[in-house]
Structures are given as C-alpha cells and as structure tokens.
C-alpha cells in the first residue's frame, strides 16, 4: 500500500461521504484490511485516513491497540466533530504523509464526534485529550487539510521546504 506524501494534491482535496452499504463491497473491505496492516507495519502510527492512500472516501482506520485502549471502533466512517470545550492544548504531532516531521499543533482538548461504525451504527463519541487530537487530525485529512495548515505562515513554509528537500 502506498501512502501519499505531501505535496500530493490528493491530500488537499476534501473527501466525500460514503454510503455505508458500499463498505460491504469487497474492494472497500480489502482496502480497510490493507490500511489496518499498514498501521501494524508502522507501530508508532495511530491512524490513517482514506485519502492518504488515494481513496476519495470519508473514513479512517485507527491502530488496533489505540482503538481497544480507548474503547473506539477501529474504522470511523463519515466523521464530523464539534467542539465540546474552548480549552485547547498544544502537543507534537507527526503524520504518515510527512515522514520525519513532528511539529507542535494546537487542538481542542474535548470534542464530540458524530460518525458511523463500519457496520452502519450511528455513533456519538465524546473524546478528550489524545483521542480528541487524533480524531481532529484525521478529520482534517478528510476535509482536505494537512496538519501544517495549523502553523503560522513562516513555519508552514519552512516545513514545506523540508519536505521538498526530502523528495
């Protein structure tokens, strides 16, 4: 499975909601299994969004251990979130599409995520701290944003320069 690297334009293209019935299609199930496997191969990775592997669908896959620890489904479909508290926290983040880049990003401490499970159940997830950060990062991917979009202009262009040197 190939993970798209920045500045691939697909990473900045918003994804579209998917019909839960489509997830029963063997192509999607095979893709989801491949995404799960990719997370096993990259044990420090917490999640991977569909558009990071070239799929225009609004879903992401969580690392199995992370999902189990936080009692979350491993596949999150059609997620959207709202802010639960105005408190925010700055912490370092990395991204599979930005290998070797770790930057401090300000995120909401608490969010409420509405989404579906892969089985089609409607879910409302109240998330705090690290799970809230992970979901915000992945939902931004699905919205066509990357984590450097949260930086000031000067720092963002420094990271872009670093990425160009690596490619």
Foldseek 3Di string as FASTA:
>chain_A
DDFAAPPPQLQQAAADADDLVCCVDVVNVVVLVVQQVVCVVVVVDFKDAPSRVPDRYAKIAGHPVVCVVVVHARIWGPKDKDAPDPDKDWDWDDDPNQPPDIDIAIDHQWMWMWTAHSVGDTDIDIDGDPVRVVVVQRNCSNRSHHRLVRPPPVVSVVSVVVSVVVD
